[in-house]
């Protein structure tokens, strides 16, 4: 029984440490939060792209304190400023703009 308790304690400590490392790493990558759900698949939260830079050649993420956060589930190597995310946010911007202007 003592062996099982020790193994569980080590497993819990390892999991907690891995979560901390993933979160600290994510903050350096522009993410507010990033956790590996299972190998290769992550839950990430990162700031949206500034609208003023969304259609430029050098998009910039908003300040996380602004509260405009993207909640993402997918590949752990997903780039918040990558081509796929830029296209998704551009499409959302156009859709929101058309809806706001009464074009729907």
C-alpha atoms as a PDB file:
ATOM      1  CA  UNK A   1       0.000   0.000   0.000  1.00  0.00           C
ATOM      2  CA  UNK A   2       2.833   2.368   0.850  1.00  0.00           C
ATOM      3  CA  UNK A   3       4.338   1.746  -2.612  1.00  0.00           C
ATOM      4  CA  UNK A   4       1.055   2.792  -4.266  1.00  0.00           C
ATOM      5  CA  UNK A   5       0.886   5.985  -2.171  1.00  0.00           C
ATOM      6  CA  UNK A   6       4.466   6.855  -3.075  1.00  0.00           C
ATOM      7  CA  UNK A   7       3.798   6.202  -6.764  1.00  0.00           C
ATOM      8  CA  UNK A   8       0.672   8.363  -6.685  1.00  0.00           C
ATOM      9  CA  UNK A   9       2.556  11.169  -4.940  1.00  0.00           C
ATOM     10  CA  UNK A  10       5.311  11.071  -7.558  1.00  0.00           C
ATOM     11  CA  UNK A  11       2.737  11.024 -10.369  1.00  0.00           C
ATOM     12  CA  UNK A  12       0.906  14.021  -8.883  1.00  0.00           C
ATOM     13  CA  UNK A  13       4.143  15.959  -8.397  1.00  0.00           C
ATOM     14  CA  UNK A  14       5.272  15.191 -11.960  1.00  0.00           C
ATOM     15  CA  UNK A  15       1.911  16.269 -13.396  1.00  0.00           C
ATOM     16  CA  UNK A  16       1.913  19.503 -11.406  1.00  0.00           C
ATOM     17  CA  UNK A  17       5.472  20.291 -12.443  1.00  0.00           C
ATOM     18  CA  UNK A  18       4.700  19.579 -16.120  1.00  0.00           C
ATOM     19  CA  UNK A  19       1.649  21.856 -15.973  1.00  0.00           C
ATOM     20  CA  UNK A  20       3.720  24.663 -14.452  1.00  0.00           C
ATOM     21  CA  UNK A  21       6.432  24.310 -17.087  1.00  0.00           C
ATOM     22  CA  UNK A  22       3.855  24.276 -19.901  1.00  0.00           C
ATOM     23  CA  UNK A  23       2.171  27.414 -18.566  1.00  0.00           C
ATOM     24  CA  UNK A  24       5.452  29.311 -18.096  1.00  0.00           C
ATOM     25  CA  UNK A  25       6.626  28.255 -21.578  1.00  0.00           C
ATOM     26  CA  UNK A  26       3.323  29.396 -23.072  1.00  0.00           C
ATOM     27  CA  UNK A  27       3.632  32.852 -21.557  1.00  0.00           C
ATOM     28  CA  UNK A  28       6.931  33.265 -23.375  1.00  0.00           C
ATOM     29  CA  UNK A  29       5.227  32.230 -26.646  1.00  0.00           C
ATOM     30  CA  UNK A  30       2.472  34.853 -26.516  1.00  0.00           C
ATOM     31  CA  UNK A  31      -0.031  32.554 -24.853  1.00  0.00           C
ATOM     32  CA  UNK A  32      -1.759  33.369 -21.629  1.00  0.00           C
ATOM     33  CA  UNK A  33      -2.295  29.687 -20.875  1.00  0.00           C
ATOM     34  CA  UNK A  34      -1.272  26.390 -22.437  1.00  0.00           C
ATOM     35  CA  UNK A  35      -1.758  22.871 -21.126  1.00  0.00           C
ATOM     36  CA  UNK A  36      -1.015  19.591 -22.850  1.00  0.00           C
ATOM     37  CA  UNK A  37      -4.276  17.615 -22.811  1.00  0.00           C
ATOM     38  CA  UNK A  38      -2.519  14.587 -24.277  1.00  0.00           C
ATOM     39  CA  UNK A  39       0.650  14.342 -26.391  1.00  0.00           C
ATOM     40  CA  UNK A  40       0.382  16.662 -29.383  1.00  0.00           C
ATOM     41  CA  UNK A  41      -3.020  18.119 -28.339  1.00  0.00           C
ATOM     42  CA  UNK A  42      -3.237  21.242 -26.178  1.00  0.00           C
ATOM     43  CA  UNK A  43      -5.679  23.690 -24.655  1.00  0.00           C
ATOM     44  CA  UNK A  44      -4.375  27.210 -25.181  1.00  0.00           C
ATOM     45  CA  UNK A  45      -5.620  30.689 -24.451  1.00  0.00           C
ATOM     46  CA  UNK A  46      -3.954  33.614 -26.180  1.00  0.00           C
ATOM     47  CA  UNK A  47      -4.771  37.253 -26.985  1.00  0.00           C
ATOM     48  CA  UNK A  48      -6.557  38.087 -30.219  1.00  0.00           C
ATOM     49  CA  UNK A  49      -4.704  40.035 -32.904  1.00  0.00           C
ATOM     50  CA  UNK A  50      -4.942  43.831 -32.829  1.00  0.00           C
ATOM     51  CA  UNK A  51      -7.481  44.876 -35.464  1.00  0.00           C
ATOM     52  CA  UNK A  52      -5.151  47.659 -36.671  1.00  0.00           C
ATOM     53  CA  UNK A  53      -2.511  45.042 -37.530  1.00  0.00           C
ATOM     54  CA  UNK A  54      -4.798  42.199 -38.650  1.00  0.00           C
ATOM     55  CA  UNK A  55      -4.397  42.968 -42.370  1.00  0.00           C
ATOM     56  CA  UNK A  56      -0.757  44.061 -42.186  1.00  0.00           C
ATOM     57  CA  UNK A  57       2.304  41.964 -42.985  1.00  0.00           C
ATOM     58  CA  UNK A  58       3.253  41.980 -39.272  1.00  0.00           C
ATOM     59  CA  UNK A  59       0.228  41.267 -37.056  1.00  0.00           C
ATOM     60  CA  UNK A  60       0.594  41.912 -33.327  1.00  0.00           C
ATOM     61  CA  UNK A  61      -1.249  40.304 -30.428  1.00  0.00           C
ATOM     62  CA  UNK A  62      -3.376  42.456 -28.141  1.00  0.00           C
ATOM     63  CA  UNK A  63      -2.415  42.988 -24.530  1.00  0.00           C
ATOM     64  CA  UNK A  64      -3.792  40.032 -22.535  1.00  0.00           C
ATOM     65  CA  UNK A  65      -5.182  42.531 -20.024  1.00  0.00           C
ATOM     66  CA  UNK A  66      -7.642  43.770 -22.686  1.00  0.00           C
ATOM     67  CA  UNK A  67      -9.610  40.562 -22.150  1.00  0.00           C
ATOM     68  CA  UNK A  68      -9.986  39.642 -25.842  1.00  0.00           C
ATOM     69  CA  UNK A  69      -8.757  36.066 -25.475  1.00  0.00           C
ATOM     70  CA  UNK A  70      -8.957  33.199 -27.977  1.00  0.00           C
ATOM     71  CA  UNK A  71      -9.774  29.816 -26.395  1.00  0.00           C
ATOM     72  CA  UNK A  72      -8.126  27.161 -28.577  1.00  0.00           C
ATOM     73  CA  UNK A  73      -8.023  23.363 -28.528  1.00  0.00           C
ATOM     74  CA  UNK A  74      -5.714  21.680 -31.022  1.00  0.00           C
ATOM     75  CA  UNK A  75      -2.122  21.105 -32.023  1.00  0.00           C
ATOM     76  CA  UNK A  76       0.436  22.049 -29.372  1.00  0.00           C
ATOM     77  CA  UNK A  77       2.587  23.764 -32.013  1.00  0.00           C
ATOM     78  CA  UNK A  78      -0.261  26.085 -33.071  1.00  0.00           C
ATOM     79  CA  UNK A  79       1.025  29.623 -33.606  1.00  0.00           C
ATOM     80  CA  UNK A  80      -1.230  32.501 -32.403  1.00  0.00           C
ATOM     81  CA  UNK A  81       0.322  34.623 -35.178  1.00  0.00           C
ATOM     82  CA  UNK A  82       0.458  31.866 -37.787  1.00  0.00           C
ATOM     83  CA  UNK A  83      -1.249  31.907 -41.175  1.00  0.00           C
ATOM     84  CA  UNK A  84      -4.197  29.773 -40.014  1.00  0.00           C
ATOM     85  CA  UNK A  85      -5.032  32.012 -37.023  1.00  0.00           C
ATOM     86  CA  UNK A  86      -4.624  35.206 -39.046  1.00  0.00           C
ATOM     87  CA  UNK A  87      -7.051  33.880 -41.680  1.00  0.00           C
ATOM     88  CA  UNK A  88      -9.560  32.822 -38.991  1.00  0.00           C
ATOM     89  CA  UNK A  89      -9.466  36.217 -37.271  1.00  0.00           C
ATOM     90  CA  UNK A  90      -9.696  38.076 -40.593  1.00  0.00           C
ATOM     91  CA  UNK A  91     -12.796  36.027 -41.512  1.00  0.00           C
ATOM     92  CA  UNK A  92     -14.344  36.703 -38.092  1.00  0.00           C
ATOM     93  CA  UNK A  93     -13.580  40.415 -38.445  1.00  0.00           C
ATOM     94  CA  UNK A  94     -15.241  40.559 -41.874  1.00  0.00           C
ATOM     95  CA  UNK A  95     -18.247  38.564 -40.661  1.00  0.00           C
ATOM     96  CA  UNK A  96     -18.680  40.758 -37.576  1.00  0.00           C
ATOM     97  CA  UNK A  97     -18.269  43.905 -39.627  1.00  0.00           C
ATOM     98  CA  UNK A  98     -20.916  42.798 -42.166  1.00  0.00           C
ATOM     99  CA  UNK A  99     -23.321  41.825 -39.377  1.00  0.00           C
ATOM    100  CA  UNK A 100     -22.710  45.115 -37.557  1.00  0.00           C
ATOM    101  CA  UNK A 101     -23.411  47.102 -40.758  1.00  0.00           C
ATOM    102  CA  UNK A 102     -26.697  45.246 -41.273  1.00  0.00           C
ATOM    103  CA  UNK A 103     -25.493  43.423 -44.379  1.00  0.00           C
ATOM    104  CA  UNK A 104     -26.955  40.076 -43.244  1.00  0.00           C
END
